[in-house]
Amino acid sequence: MSASIEATPAERGTHTPLWLAATIAVFFGLFYAFDVWEALGNLLAIQQSASALGVPITAYGWIVLIAALVLPLALFGLAFWLGRNRGALALAAFLFVGLCVSAVAYLNIIGVFAFGPILDFSGA
């Protein structure tokens, strides 16, 4: 019995060329960067609103605001890590799904938390 020398498609791998993976990552990275920029803008705006109202931001509020800032970065890293050794379409799909999860999580943060639990109006 002779062993087959030819590699199957699964053994050859479908690695994406570095230039294509970088192009896809940069394209989606711009959208992730916009999410981070938006979260940073909201953090600064809420901090400014809190100081204008004379109320502090609660510890829970800081956790929510910082989580909204860090979540897109973590999701980008996770999506890129999961898609790095797959084809270009799979990499793009992982990055797109991560972007969708980031958007949904951010909308949930805004919808659920708004200003209520973030600012401490009890002392005002």
PDB file of N, CA and C in Angstrom:
ATOM      1  N   MET A   1       0.834  -1.179   0.000  1.00  0.00           N
ATOM      2  CA  MET A   1       0.000   0.000   0.000  1.00  0.00           C
ATOM      3  C   MET A   1       0.879   1.243   0.000  1.00  0.00           C
ATOM      4  N   SER A   2       0.639   2.104  -0.908  1.00  0.00           N
ATOM      5  CA  SER A   2       1.445   3.311  -0.989  1.00  0.00           C
ATOM      6  C   SER A   2       0.660   4.491  -0.421  1.00  0.00           C
ATOM      7  N   ALA A   3       1.354   5.329   0.287  1.00  0.00           N
ATOM      8  CA  ALA A   3       0.729   6.517   0.872  1.00  0.00           C
ATOM      9  C   ALA A   3       0.651   7.602  -0.188  1.00  0.00           C
ATOM     10  N   SER A   4      -0.410   8.325  -0.166  1.00  0.00           N
ATOM     11  CA  SER A   4      -0.591   9.402  -1.132  1.00  0.00           C
ATOM     12  C   SER A   4       0.275  10.595  -0.732  1.00  0.00           C
ATOM     13  N   ILE A   5       1.053  11.092  -1.666  1.00  0.00           N
ATOM     14  CA  ILE A   5       1.931  12.220  -1.401  1.00  0.00           C
ATOM     15  C   ILE A   5       1.187  13.534  -1.567  1.00  0.00           C
ATOM     16  N   GLU A   6       0.136  13.521  -2.355  1.00  0.00           N
ATOM     17  CA  GLU A   6      -0.609  14.744  -2.637  1.00  0.00           C
ATOM     18  C   GLU A   6      -1.382  15.201  -1.405  1.00  0.00           C
ATOM     19  N   ALA A   7      -1.307  16.468  -1.108  1.00  0.00           N
ATOM     20  CA  ALA A   7      -1.998  17.029   0.058  1.00  0.00           C
ATOM     21  C   ALA A   7      -3.440  17.350  -0.311  1.00  0.00           C
ATOM     22  N   THR A   8      -4.301  17.132   0.643  1.00  0.00           N
ATOM     23  CA  THR A   8      -5.706  17.485   0.451  1.00  0.00           C
ATOM     24  C   THR A   8      -5.861  18.990   0.647  1.00  0.00           C
ATOM     25  N   PRO A   9      -6.963  19.569   0.185  1.00  0.00           N
ATOM     26  CA  PRO A   9      -7.160  21.018   0.373  1.00  0.00           C
ATOM     27  C   PRO A   9      -7.117  21.432   1.839  1.00  0.00           C
ATOM     28  N   ALA A  10      -7.611  20.572   2.742  1.00  0.00           N
ATOM     29  CA  ALA A  10      -7.587  20.916   4.162  1.00  0.00           C
ATOM     30  C   ALA A  10      -6.157  20.966   4.688  1.00  0.00           C
ATOM     31  N   GLU A  11      -5.285  20.071   4.166  1.00  0.00           N
ATOM     32  CA  GLU A  11      -3.896  20.054   4.618  1.00  0.00           C
ATOM     33  C   GLU A  11      -3.102  21.213   4.035  1.00  0.00           C
ATOM     34  N   ARG A  12      -3.425  21.612   2.809  1.00  0.00           N
ATOM     35  CA  ARG A  12      -2.727  22.741   2.194  1.00  0.00           C
ATOM     36  C   ARG A  12      -3.053  24.043   2.892  1.00  0.00           C
ATOM     37  N   GLY A  13      -4.247  24.144   3.400  1.00  0.00           N
ATOM     38  CA  GLY A  13      -4.657  25.376   4.071  1.00  0.00           C
ATOM     39  C   GLY A  13      -5.107  26.419   3.066  1.00  0.00           C
ATOM     40  N   THR A  14      -5.924  27.300   3.524  1.00  0.00           N
ATOM     41  CA  THR A  14      -6.415  28.378   2.661  1.00  0.00           C
ATOM     42  C   THR A  14      -6.018  29.704   3.282  1.00  0.00           C
ATOM     43  N   HIS A  15      -4.751  29.841   3.563  1.00  0.00           N
ATOM     44  CA  HIS A  15      -4.264  31.065   4.181  1.00  0.00           C
ATOM     45  C   HIS A  15      -4.441  32.245   3.236  1.00  0.00           C
ATOM     46  N   THR A  16      -4.852  33.336   3.818  1.00  0.00           N
ATOM     47  CA  THR A  16      -5.001  34.573   3.059  1.00  0.00           C
ATOM     48  C   THR A  16      -3.627  35.221   2.918  1.00  0.00           C
ATOM     49  N   PRO A  17      -3.275  35.725   1.750  1.00  0.00           N
ATOM     50  CA  PRO A  17      -2.008  36.450   1.618  1.00  0.00           C
ATOM     51  C   PRO A  17      -1.968  37.630   2.591  1.00  0.00           C
ATOM     52  N   LEU A  18      -0.794  37.939   3.062  1.00  0.00           N
ATOM     53  CA  LEU A  18      -0.643  38.984   4.076  1.00  0.00           C
ATOM     54  C   LEU A  18      -1.207  40.319   3.612  1.00  0.00           C
ATOM     55  N   TRP A  19      -0.958  40.702   2.371  1.00  0.00           N
ATOM     56  CA  TRP A  19      -1.431  41.998   1.887  1.00  0.00           C
ATOM     57  C   TRP A  19      -2.960  42.050   1.859  1.00  0.00           C
ATOM     58  N   LEU A  20      -3.607  40.927   1.521  1.00  0.00           N
ATOM     59  CA  LEU A  20      -5.065  40.899   1.480  1.00  0.00           C
ATOM     60  C   LEU A  20      -5.649  40.905   2.887  1.00  0.00           C
ATOM     61  N   ALA A  21      -5.038  40.143   3.794  1.00  0.00           N
ATOM     62  CA  ALA A  21      -5.498  40.132   5.182  1.00  0.00           C
ATOM     63  C   ALA A  21      -5.342  41.518   5.807  1.00  0.00           C
ATOM     64  N   ALA A  22      -4.233  42.185   5.515  1.00  0.00           N
ATOM     65  CA  ALA A  22      -4.016  43.539   6.043  1.00  0.00           C
ATOM     66  C   ALA A  22      -5.021  44.521   5.464  1.00  0.00           C
ATOM     67  N   THR A  23      -5.332  44.399   4.188  1.00  0.00           N
ATOM     68  CA  THR A  23      -6.305  45.285   3.555  1.00  0.00           C
ATOM     69  C   THR A  23      -7.691  45.097   4.172  1.00  0.00           C
ATOM     70  N   ILE A  24      -8.081  43.856   4.351  1.00  0.00           N
ATOM     71  CA  ILE A  24      -9.380  43.569   4.960  1.00  0.00           C
ATOM     72  C   ILE A  24      -9.412  44.083   6.396  1.00  0.00           C
ATOM     73  N   ALA A  25      -8.334  43.837   7.146  1.00  0.00           N
ATOM     74  CA  ALA A  25      -8.273  44.273   8.539  1.00  0.00           C
ATOM     75  C   ALA A  25      -8.316  45.796   8.649  1.00  0.00           C
ATOM     76  N   VAL A  26      -7.623  46.495   7.767  1.00  0.00           N
ATOM     77  CA  VAL A  26      -7.631  47.961   7.800  1.00  0.00           C
ATOM     78  C   VAL A  26      -9.016  48.487   7.441  1.00  0.00           C
ATOM     79  N   PHE A  27      -9.648  47.899   6.435  1.00  0.00           N
ATOM     80  CA  PHE A  27     -10.983  48.334   6.035  1.00  0.00           C
ATOM     81  C   PHE A  27     -11.964  48.214   7.197  1.00  0.00           C
ATOM     82  N   PHE A  28     -12.019  47.038   7.808  1.00  0.00           N
ATOM     83  CA  PHE A  28     -12.930  46.864   8.939  1.00  0.00           C
ATOM     84  C   PHE A  28     -12.428  47.604  10.179  1.00  0.00           C
ATOM     85  N   GLY A  29     -11.120  47.733  10.304  1.00  0.00           N
ATOM     86  CA  GLY A  29     -10.550  48.452  11.438  1.00  0.00           C
ATOM     87  C   GLY A  29     -11.003  49.899  11.501  1.00  0.00           C
ATOM     88  N   LEU A  30     -11.246  50.504  10.355  1.00  0.00           N
ATOM     89  CA  LEU A  30     -11.754  51.880  10.351  1.00  0.00           C
ATOM     90  C   LEU A  30     -13.127  51.970  11.006  1.00  0.00           C
ATOM     91  N   PHE A  31     -13.965  50.975  10.769  1.00  0.00           N
ATOM     92  CA  PHE A  31     -15.283  50.962  11.396  1.00  0.00           C
ATOM     93  C   PHE A  31     -15.178  50.705  12.902  1.00  0.00           C
ATOM     94  N   TYR A  32     -14.283  49.811  13.291  1.00  0.00           N
ATOM     95  CA  TYR A  32     -14.053  49.578  14.713  1.00  0.00           C
ATOM     96  C   TYR A  32     -13.492  50.849  15.369  1.00  0.00           C
ATOM     97  N   ALA A  33     -12.598  51.532  14.678  1.00  0.00           N
ATOM     98  CA  ALA A  33     -12.024  52.773  15.212  1.00  0.00           C
ATOM     99  C   ALA A  33     -13.106  53.832  15.386  1.00  0.00           C
ATOM    100  N   PHE A  34     -14.076  53.854  14.488  1.00  0.00           N
ATOM    101  CA  PHE A  34     -15.185  54.792  14.644  1.00  0.00           C
ATOM    102  C   PHE A  34     -15.986  54.469  15.895  1.00  0.00           C
ATOM    103  N   ASP A  35     -16.192  53.175  16.180  1.00  0.00           N
ATOM    104  CA  ASP A  35     -16.885  52.786  17.408  1.00  0.00           C
ATOM    105  C   ASP A  35     -16.120  53.246  18.644  1.00  0.00           C
ATOM    106  N   VAL A  36     -14.801  53.100  18.611  1.00  0.00           N
ATOM    107  CA  VAL A  36     -13.981  53.548  19.743  1.00  0.00           C
ATOM    108  C   VAL A  36     -14.055  55.066  19.870  1.00  0.00           C
ATOM    109  N   TRP A  37     -13.973  55.764  18.747  1.00  0.00           N
ATOM    110  CA  TRP A  37     -14.051  57.230  18.750  1.00  0.00           C
ATOM    111  C   TRP A  37     -15.396  57.696  19.302  1.00  0.00           C
ATOM    112  N   GLU A  38     -16.466  57.030  18.905  1.00  0.00           N
ATOM    113  CA  GLU A  38     -17.804  57.356  19.379  1.00  0.00           C
ATOM    114  C   GLU A  38     -17.917  57.123  20.891  1.00  0.00           C
ATOM    115  N   ALA A  39     -17.380  56.020  21.378  1.00  0.00           N
ATOM    116  CA  ALA A  39     -17.418  55.733  22.810  1.00  0.00           C
ATOM    117  C   ALA A  39     -16.599  56.750  23.591  1.00  0.00           C
ATOM    118  N   LEU A  40     -15.445  57.147  23.043  1.00  0.00           N
ATOM    119  CA  LEU A  40     -14.625  58.160  23.700  1.00  0.00           C
ATOM    120  C   LEU A  40     -15.357  59.505  23.729  1.00  0.00           C
ATOM    121  N   GLY A  41     -16.009  59.854  22.633  1.00  0.00           N
ATOM    122  CA  GLY A  41     -16.787  61.092  22.601  1.00  0.00           C
ATOM    123  C   GLY A  41     -17.916  61.083  23.604  1.00  0.00           C
ATOM    124  N   ASN A  42     -18.594  59.952  23.732  1.00  0.00           N
ATOM    125  CA  ASN A  42     -19.672  59.856  24.719  1.00  0.00           C
ATOM    126  C   ASN A  42     -19.131  59.908  26.138  1.00  0.00           C
ATOM    127  N   LEU A  43     -18.008  59.282  26.378  1.00  0.00           N
ATOM    128  CA  LEU A  43     -17.406  59.346  27.713  1.00  0.00           C
ATOM    129  C   LEU A  43     -17.077  60.781  28.081  1.00  0.00           C
ATOM    130  N   LEU A  44     -16.460  61.508  27.149  1.00  0.00           N
ATOM    131  CA  LEU A  44     -16.110  62.903  27.429  1.00  0.00           C
ATOM    132  C   LEU A  44     -17.351  63.785  27.560  1.00  0.00           C
ATOM    133  N   ALA A  45     -18.368  63.532  26.728  1.00  0.00           N
ATOM    134  CA  ALA A  45     -19.596  64.326  26.799  1.00  0.00           C
ATOM    135  C   ALA A  45     -20.349  64.073  28.101  1.00  0.00           C
ATOM    136  N   ILE A  46     -20.401  62.824  28.532  1.00  0.00           N
ATOM    137  CA  ILE A  46     -21.088  62.510  29.793  1.00  0.00           C
ATOM    138  C   ILE A  46     -20.311  63.091  30.964  1.00  0.00           C
ATOM    139  N   GLN A  47     -18.991  63.041  30.894  1.00  0.00           N
ATOM    140  CA  GLN A  47     -18.181  63.635  31.958  1.00  0.00           C
ATOM    141  C   GLN A  47     -18.400  65.144  32.014  1.00  0.00           C
ATOM    142  N   GLN A  48     -18.470  65.789  30.864  1.00  0.00           N
ATOM    143  CA  GLN A  48     -18.710  67.230  30.818  1.00  0.00           C
ATOM    144  C   GLN A  48     -20.126  67.553  31.309  1.00  0.00           C
ATOM    145  N   SER A  49     -21.102  66.750  30.918  1.00  0.00           N
ATOM    146  CA  SER A  49     -22.476  66.968  31.384  1.00  0.00           C
ATOM    147  C   SER A  49     -22.579  66.785  32.891  1.00  0.00           C
ATOM    148  N   ALA A  50     -21.879  65.784  33.399  1.00  0.00           N
ATOM    149  CA  ALA A  50     -21.911  65.542  34.840  1.00  0.00           C
ATOM    150  C   ALA A  50     -21.305  66.711  35.603  1.00  0.00           C
ATOM    151  N   SER A  51     -20.207  67.251  35.108  1.00  0.00           N
ATOM    152  CA  SER A  51     -19.588  68.382  35.803  1.00  0.00           C
ATOM    153  C   SER A  51     -20.456  69.630  35.673  1.00  0.00           C
ATOM    154  N   ALA A  52     -21.138  69.805  34.541  1.00  0.00           N
ATOM    155  CA  ALA A  52     -22.031  70.959  34.372  1.00  0.00           C
ATOM    156  C   ALA A  52     -23.241  70.860  35.299  1.00  0.00           C
ATOM    157  N   LEU A  53     -23.714  69.639  35.523  1.00  0.00           N
ATOM    158  CA  LEU A  53     -24.850  69.435  36.424  1.00  0.00           C
ATOM    159  C   LEU A  53     -24.418  69.380  37.880  1.00  0.00           C
ATOM    160  N   GLY A  54     -23.137  69.247  38.114  1.00  0.00           N
ATOM    161  CA  GLY A  54     -22.624  69.169  39.480  1.00  0.00           C
ATOM    162  C   GLY A  54     -22.863  67.823  40.134  1.00  0.00           C
ATOM    163  N   VAL A  55     -22.948  66.774  39.335  1.00  0.00           N
ATOM    164  CA  VAL A  55     -23.149  65.429  39.874  1.00  0.00           C
ATOM    165  C   VAL A  55     -21.987  64.540  39.414  1.00  0.00           C
ATOM    166  N   PRO A  56     -21.623  63.576  40.258  1.00  0.00           N
ATOM    167  CA  PRO A  56     -20.515  62.687  39.866  1.00  0.00           C
ATOM    168  C   PRO A  56     -21.011  61.532  38.994  1.00  0.00           C
ATOM    169  N   ILE A  57     -20.071  60.938  38.294  1.00  0.00           N
ATOM    170  CA  ILE A  57     -20.352  59.696  37.567  1.00  0.00           C
ATOM    171  C   ILE A  57     -20.140  58.551  38.544  1.00  0.00           C
ATOM    172  N   THR A  58     -21.093  57.646  38.604  1.00  0.00           N
ATOM    173  CA  THR A  58     -20.991  56.525  39.537  1.00  0.00           C
ATOM    174  C   THR A  58     -19.891  55.555  39.093  1.00  0.00           C
ATOM    175  N   ALA A  59     -19.474  54.699  40.018  1.00  0.00           N
ATOM    176  CA  ALA A  59     -18.480  53.672  39.674  1.00  0.00           C
ATOM    177  C   ALA A  59     -19.042  52.744  38.610  1.00  0.00           C
ATOM    178  N   TYR A  60     -20.315  52.436  38.725  1.00  0.00           N
ATOM    179  CA  TYR A  60     -20.986  51.612  37.730  1.00  0.00           C
ATOM    180  C   TYR A  60     -20.968  52.314  36.374  1.00  0.00           C
ATOM    181  N   GLY A  61     -21.160  53.602  36.374  1.00  0.00           N
ATOM    182  CA  GLY A  61     -21.123  54.388  35.146  1.00  0.00           C
ATOM    183  C   GLY A  61     -19.757  54.360  34.500  1.00  0.00           C
ATOM    184  N   TRP A  62     -18.704  54.468  35.297  1.00  0.00           N
ATOM    185  CA  TRP A  62     -17.346  54.399  34.746  1.00  0.00           C
ATOM    186  C   TRP A  62     -17.084  53.038  34.112  1.00  0.00           C
ATOM    187  N   ILE A  63     -17.564  51.989  34.769  1.00  0.00           N
ATOM    188  CA  ILE A  63     -17.372  50.641  34.224  1.00  0.00           C
ATOM    189  C   ILE A  63     -18.071  50.513  32.873  1.00  0.00           C
ATOM    190  N   VAL A  64     -19.304  51.013  32.793  1.00  0.00           N
ATOM    191  CA  VAL A  64     -20.060  50.934  31.540  1.00  0.00           C
ATOM    192  C   VAL A  64     -19.379  51.760  30.451  1.00  0.00           C
ATOM    193  N   LEU A  65     -18.946  52.962  30.779  1.00  0.00           N
ATOM    194  CA  LEU A  65     -18.323  53.835  29.779  1.00  0.00           C
ATOM    195  C   LEU A  65     -16.981  53.284  29.294  1.00  0.00           C
ATOM    196  N   ILE A  66     -16.200  52.738  30.203  1.00  0.00           N
ATOM    197  CA  ILE A  66     -14.910  52.171  29.816  1.00  0.00           C
ATOM    198  C   ILE A  66     -15.112  50.864  29.044  1.00  0.00           C
ATOM    199  N   ALA A  67     -16.125  50.080  29.422  1.00  0.00           N
ATOM    200  CA  ALA A  67     -16.428  48.853  28.681  1.00  0.00           C
ATOM    201  C   ALA A  67     -16.845  49.179  27.254  1.00  0.00           C
ATOM    202  N   ALA A  68     -17.612  50.253  27.088  1.00  0.00           N
ATOM    203  CA  ALA A  68     -18.016  50.663  25.738  1.00  0.00           C
ATOM    204  C   ALA A  68     -16.811  51.099  24.918  1.00  0.00           C
ATOM    205  N   LEU A  69     -15.779  51.566  25.574  1.00  0.00           N
ATOM    206  CA  LEU A  69     -14.560  51.991  24.890  1.00  0.00           C
ATOM    207  C   LEU A  69     -13.671  50.807  24.526  1.00  0.00           C
ATOM    208  N   VAL A  70     -13.593  49.820  25.397  1.00  0.00           N
ATOM    209  CA  VAL A  70     -12.684  48.687  25.216  1.00  0.00           C
ATOM    210  C   VAL A  70     -13.304  47.574  24.357  1.00  0.00           C
ATOM    211  N   LEU A  71     -14.623  47.448  24.394  1.00  0.00           N
ATOM    212  CA  LEU A  71     -15.289  46.344  23.700  1.00  0.00           C
ATOM    213  C   LEU A  71     -14.972  46.273  22.203  1.00  0.00           C
ATOM    214  N   PRO A  72     -15.034  47.365  21.441  1.00  0.00           N
ATOM    215  CA  PRO A  72     -14.697  47.244  20.008  1.00  0.00           C
ATOM    216  C   PRO A  72     -13.259  46.788  19.764  1.00  0.00           C
ATOM    217  N   LEU A  73     -12.340  47.238  20.597  1.00  0.00           N
ATOM    218  CA  LEU A  73     -10.947  46.812  20.444  1.00  0.00           C
ATOM    219  C   LEU A  73     -10.799  45.316  20.702  1.00  0.00           C
ATOM    220  N   ALA A  74     -11.452  44.835  21.755  1.00  0.00           N
ATOM    221  CA  ALA A  74     -11.376  43.412  22.078  1.00  0.00           C
ATOM    222  C   ALA A  74     -12.050  42.570  21.001  1.00  0.00           C
ATOM    223  N   LEU A  75     -13.182  43.029  20.498  1.00  0.00           N
ATOM    224  CA  LEU A  75     -13.876  42.278  19.457  1.00  0.00           C
ATOM    225  C   LEU A  75     -13.079  42.254  18.154  1.00  0.00           C
ATOM    226  N   PHE A  76     -12.425  43.358  17.820  1.00  0.00           N
ATOM    227  CA  PHE A  76     -11.579  43.377  16.623  1.00  0.00           C
ATOM    228  C   PHE A  76     -10.440  42.373  16.765  1.00  0.00           C
ATOM    229  N   GLY A  77      -9.788  42.388  17.913  1.00  0.00           N
ATOM    230  CA  GLY A  77      -8.689  41.445  18.147  1.00  0.00           C
ATOM    231  C   GLY A  77      -9.155  40.004  18.087  1.00  0.00           C
ATOM    232  N   LEU A  78     -10.295  39.716  18.705  1.00  0.00           N
ATOM    233  CA  LEU A  78     -10.826  38.356  18.698  1.00  0.00           C
ATOM    234  C   LEU A  78     -11.225  37.928  17.287  1.00  0.00           C
ATOM    235  N   ALA A  79     -11.910  38.800  16.562  1.00  0.00           N
ATOM    236  CA  ALA A  79     -12.344  38.456  15.204  1.00  0.00           C
ATOM    237  C   ALA A  79     -11.145  38.251  14.279  1.00  0.00           C
ATOM    238  N   PHE A  80     -10.134  39.095  14.404  1.00  0.00           N
ATOM    239  CA  PHE A  80      -8.940  38.929  13.567  1.00  0.00           C
ATOM    240  C   PHE A  80      -8.203  37.646  13.928  1.00  0.00           C
ATOM    241  N   TRP A  81      -8.122  37.345  15.219  1.00  0.00           N
ATOM    242  CA  TRP A  81      -7.438  36.144  15.665  1.00  0.00           C
ATOM    243  C   TRP A  81      -8.152  34.886  15.162  1.00  0.00           C
ATOM    244  N   LEU A  82      -9.489  34.900  15.204  1.00  0.00           N
ATOM    245  CA  LEU A  82     -10.249  33.742  14.745  1.00  0.00           C
ATOM    246  C   LEU A  82     -10.177  33.576  13.226  1.00  0.00           C
ATOM    247  N   GLY A  83     -10.078  34.674  12.489  1.00  0.00           N
ATOM    248  CA  GLY A  83     -10.093  34.591  11.041  1.00  0.00           C
ATOM    249  C   GLY A  83      -8.743  34.637  10.374  1.00  0.00           C
ATOM    250  N   ARG A  84      -7.676  34.735  11.134  1.00  0.00           N
ATOM    251  CA  ARG A  84      -6.351  34.954  10.555  1.00  0.00           C
ATOM    252  C   ARG A  84      -5.854  33.805   9.699  1.00  0.00           C
ATOM    253  N   ASN A  85      -6.191  32.575  10.033  1.00  0.00           N
ATOM    254  CA  ASN A  85      -5.692  31.423   9.282  1.00  0.00           C
ATOM    255  C   ASN A  85      -6.735  30.836   8.343  1.00  0.00           C
ATOM    256  N   ARG A  86      -7.711  31.624   8.003  1.00  0.00           N
ATOM    257  CA  ARG A  86      -8.772  31.154   7.116  1.00  0.00           C
ATOM    258  C   ARG A  86      -8.718  31.949   5.827  1.00  0.00           C
ATOM    259  N   GLY A  87      -9.640  31.729   4.959  1.00  0.00           N
ATOM    260  CA  GLY A  87      -9.689  32.450   3.698  1.00  0.00           C
ATOM    261  C   GLY A  87     -10.087  33.903   3.899  1.00  0.00           C
ATOM    262  N   ALA A  88      -9.956  34.665   2.829  1.00  0.00           N
ATOM    263  CA  ALA A  88     -10.266  36.092   2.892  1.00  0.00           C
ATOM    264  C   ALA A  88     -11.731  36.334   3.224  1.00  0.00           C
ATOM    265  N   LEU A  89     -12.618  35.536   2.658  1.00  0.00           N
ATOM    266  CA  LEU A  89     -14.045  35.701   2.927  1.00  0.00           C
ATOM    267  C   LEU A  89     -14.368  35.383   4.382  1.00  0.00           C
ATOM    268  N   ALA A  90     -13.741  34.361   4.921  1.00  0.00           N
ATOM    269  CA  ALA A  90     -13.967  34.008   6.323  1.00  0.00           C
ATOM    270  C   ALA A  90     -13.439  35.103   7.249  1.00  0.00           C
ATOM    271  N   LEU A  91     -12.282  35.655   6.923  1.00  0.00           N
ATOM    272  CA  LEU A  91     -11.739  36.755   7.725  1.00  0.00           C
ATOM    273  C   LEU A  91     -12.677  37.943   7.705  1.00  0.00           C
ATOM    274  N   ALA A  92     -13.164  38.293   6.523  1.00  0.00           N
ATOM    275  CA  ALA A  92     -14.105  39.410   6.411  1.00  0.00           C
ATOM    276  C   ALA A  92     -15.393  39.111   7.173  1.00  0.00           C
ATOM    277  N   ALA A  93     -15.857  37.870   7.123  1.00  0.00           N
ATOM    278  CA  ALA A  93     -17.075  37.494   7.843  1.00  0.00           C
ATOM    279  C   ALA A  93     -16.876  37.616   9.346  1.00  0.00           C
ATOM    280  N   PHE A  94     -15.745  37.136   9.864  1.00  0.00           N
ATOM    281  CA  PHE A  94     -15.472  37.255  11.298  1.00  0.00           C
ATOM    282  C   PHE A  94     -15.417  38.726  11.721  1.00  0.00           C
ATOM    283  N   LEU A  95     -14.752  39.547  10.940  1.00  0.00           N
ATOM    284  CA  LEU A  95     -14.646  40.967  11.275  1.00  0.00           C
ATOM    285  C   LEU A  95     -16.008  41.655  11.184  1.00  0.00           C
ATOM    286  N   PHE A  96     -16.827  41.274  10.214  1.00  0.00           N
ATOM    287  CA  PHE A  96     -18.159  41.859  10.084  1.00  0.00           C
ATOM    288  C   PHE A  96     -19.048  41.453  11.250  1.00  0.00           C
ATOM    289  N   VAL A  97     -19.010  40.193  11.632  1.00  0.00           N
ATOM    290  CA  VAL A  97     -19.816  39.729  12.770  1.00  0.00           C
ATOM    291  C   VAL A  97     -19.356  40.417  14.047  1.00  0.00           C
ATOM    292  N   GLY A  98     -18.053  40.568  14.226  1.00  0.00           N
ATOM    293  CA  GLY A  98     -17.551  41.291  15.404  1.00  0.00           C
ATOM    294  C   GLY A  98     -18.013  42.733  15.422  1.00  0.00           C
ATOM    295  N   LEU A  99     -18.055  43.365  14.264  1.00  0.00           N
ATOM    296  CA  LEU A  99     -18.541  44.735  14.165  1.00  0.00           C
ATOM    297  C   LEU A  99     -20.024  44.813  14.509  1.00  0.00           C
ATOM    298  N   CYS A 100     -20.783  43.835  14.053  1.00  0.00           N
ATOM    299  CA  CYS A 100     -22.212  43.792  14.386  1.00  0.00           C
ATOM    300  C   CYS A 100     -22.421  43.587  15.884  1.00  0.00           C
ATOM    301  N   VAL A 101     -21.656  42.712  16.494  1.00  0.00           N
ATOM    302  CA  VAL A 101     -21.762  42.489  17.935  1.00  0.00           C
ATOM    303  C   VAL A 101     -21.391  43.762  18.688  1.00  0.00           C
ATOM    304  N   SER A 102     -20.377  44.450  18.226  1.00  0.00           N
ATOM    305  CA  SER A 102     -19.985  45.716  18.850  1.00  0.00           C
ATOM    306  C   SER A 102     -21.105  46.740  18.769  1.00  0.00           C
ATOM    307  N   ALA A 103     -21.748  46.839  17.612  1.00  0.00           N
ATOM    308  CA  ALA A 103     -22.843  47.803  17.442  1.00  0.00           C
ATOM    309  C   ALA A 103     -24.031  47.450  18.324  1.00  0.00           C
ATOM    310  N   VAL A 104     -24.382  46.177  18.380  1.00  0.00           N
ATOM    311  CA  VAL A 104     -25.510  45.750  19.204  1.00  0.00           C
ATOM    312  C   VAL A 104     -25.214  45.990  20.684  1.00  0.00           C
ATOM    313  N   ALA A 105     -24.016  45.655  21.108  1.00  0.00           N
ATOM    314  CA  ALA A 105     -23.650  45.872  22.515  1.00  0.00           C
ATOM    315  C   ALA A 105     -23.678  47.351  22.857  1.00  0.00           C
ATOM    316  N   TYR A 106     -23.191  48.199  21.947  1.00  0.00           N
ATOM    317  CA  TYR A 106     -23.188  49.633  22.207  1.00  0.00           C
ATOM    318  C   TYR A 106     -24.611  50.184  22.263  1.00  0.00           C
ATOM    319  N   LEU A 107     -25.472  49.730  21.367  1.00  0.00           N
ATOM    320  CA  LEU A 107     -26.869  50.166  21.410  1.00  0.00           C
ATOM    321  C   LEU A 107     -27.553  49.715  22.695  1.00  0.00           C
ATOM    322  N   ASN A 108     -27.220  48.523  23.170  1.00  0.00           N
ATOM    323  CA  ASN A 108     -27.774  48.061  24.440  1.00  0.00           C
ATOM    324  C   ASN A 108     -27.282  48.912  25.598  1.00  0.00           C
ATOM    325  N   ILE A 109     -26.019  49.283  25.566  1.00  0.00           N
ATOM    326  CA  ILE A 109     -25.477  50.135  26.628  1.00  0.00           C
ATOM    327  C   ILE A 109     -26.199  51.472  26.643  1.00  0.00           C
ATOM    328  N   ILE A 110     -26.384  52.069  25.473  1.00  0.00           N
ATOM    329  CA  ILE A 110     -27.061  53.366  25.393  1.00  0.00           C
ATOM    330  C   ILE A 110     -28.523  53.227  25.771  1.00  0.00           C
ATOM    331  N   GLY A 111     -29.188  52.203  25.262  1.00  0.00           N
ATOM    332  CA  GLY A 111     -30.613  52.028  25.519  1.00  0.00           C
ATOM    333  C   GLY A 111     -30.933  51.684  26.959  1.00  0.00           C
ATOM    334  N   VAL A 112     -30.141  50.849  27.563  1.00  0.00           N
ATOM    335  CA  VAL A 112     -30.436  50.388  28.916  1.00  0.00           C
ATOM    336  C   VAL A 112     -29.929  51.371  29.962  1.00  0.00           C
ATOM    337  N   PHE A 113     -28.735  51.886  29.787  1.00  0.00           N
ATOM    338  CA  PHE A 113     -28.131  52.663  30.847  1.00  0.00           C
ATOM    339  C   PHE A 113     -28.351  54.162  30.709  1.00  0.00           C
ATOM    340  N   ALA A 114     -28.400  54.679  29.500  1.00  0.00           N
ATOM    341  CA  ALA A 114     -28.592  56.111  29.249  1.00  0.00           C
ATOM    342  C   ALA A 114     -27.910  56.944  30.331  1.00  0.00           C
ATOM    343  N   PHE A 115     -28.619  57.872  30.940  1.00  0.00           N
ATOM    344  CA  PHE A 115     -28.019  58.684  32.000  1.00  0.00           C
ATOM    345  C   PHE A 115     -28.383  58.180  33.392  1.00  0.00           C
ATOM    346  N   GLY A 116     -29.416  57.381  33.511  1.00  0.00           N
ATOM    347  CA  GLY A 116     -29.908  56.951  34.825  1.00  0.00           C
ATOM    348  C   GLY A 116     -28.854  56.423  35.777  1.00  0.00           C
ATOM    349  N   PRO A 117     -28.360  55.210  35.584  1.00  0.00           N
ATOM    350  CA  PRO A 117     -27.406  54.639  36.536  1.00  0.00           C
ATOM    351  C   PRO A 117     -25.977  55.188  36.390  1.00  0.00           C
ATOM    352  N   ILE A 118     -25.709  55.966  35.348  1.00  0.00           N
ATOM    353  CA  ILE A 118     -24.357  56.451  35.143  1.00  0.00           C
ATOM    354  C   ILE A 118     -24.068  57.659  36.011  1.00  0.00           C
ATOM    355  N   LEU A 119     -25.039  58.551  36.138  1.00  0.00           N
ATOM    356  CA  LEU A 119     -24.859  59.751  36.952  1.00  0.00           C
ATOM    357  C   LEU A 119     -25.557  59.577  38.290  1.00  0.00           C
ATOM    358  N   ASP A 120     -24.952  60.133  39.325  1.00  0.00           N
ATOM    359  CA  ASP A 120     -25.495  60.031  40.680  1.00  0.00           C
ATOM    360  C   ASP A 120     -26.267  61.298  40.998  1.00  0.00           C
ATOM    361  N   PHE A 121     -27.590  61.251  40.789  1.00  0.00           N
ATOM    362  CA  PHE A 121     -28.436  62.413  41.061  1.00  0.00           C
ATOM    363  C   PHE A 121     -28.928  62.458  42.506  1.00  0.00           C
ATOM    364  N   SER A 122     -28.536  61.505  43.325  1.00  0.00           N
ATOM    365  CA  SER A 122     -29.044  61.447  44.698  1.00  0.00           C
ATOM    366  C   SER A 122     -28.538  62.616  45.548  1.00  0.00           C
ATOM    367  N   GLY A 123     -27.357  63.114  45.220  1.00  0.00           N
ATOM    368  CA  GLY A 123     -26.796  64.210  46.030  1.00  0.00           C
ATOM    369  C   GLY A 123     -27.186  65.573  45.500  1.00  0.00           C
ATOM    370  N   ALA A 124     -27.851  65.635  44.359  1.00  0.00           N
ATOM    371  CA  ALA A 124     -28.181  66.936  43.746  1.00  0.00           C
ATOM    372  C   ALA A 124     -29.441  67.529  44.316  1.00  0.00           C
TER     373      ALA A 124
END
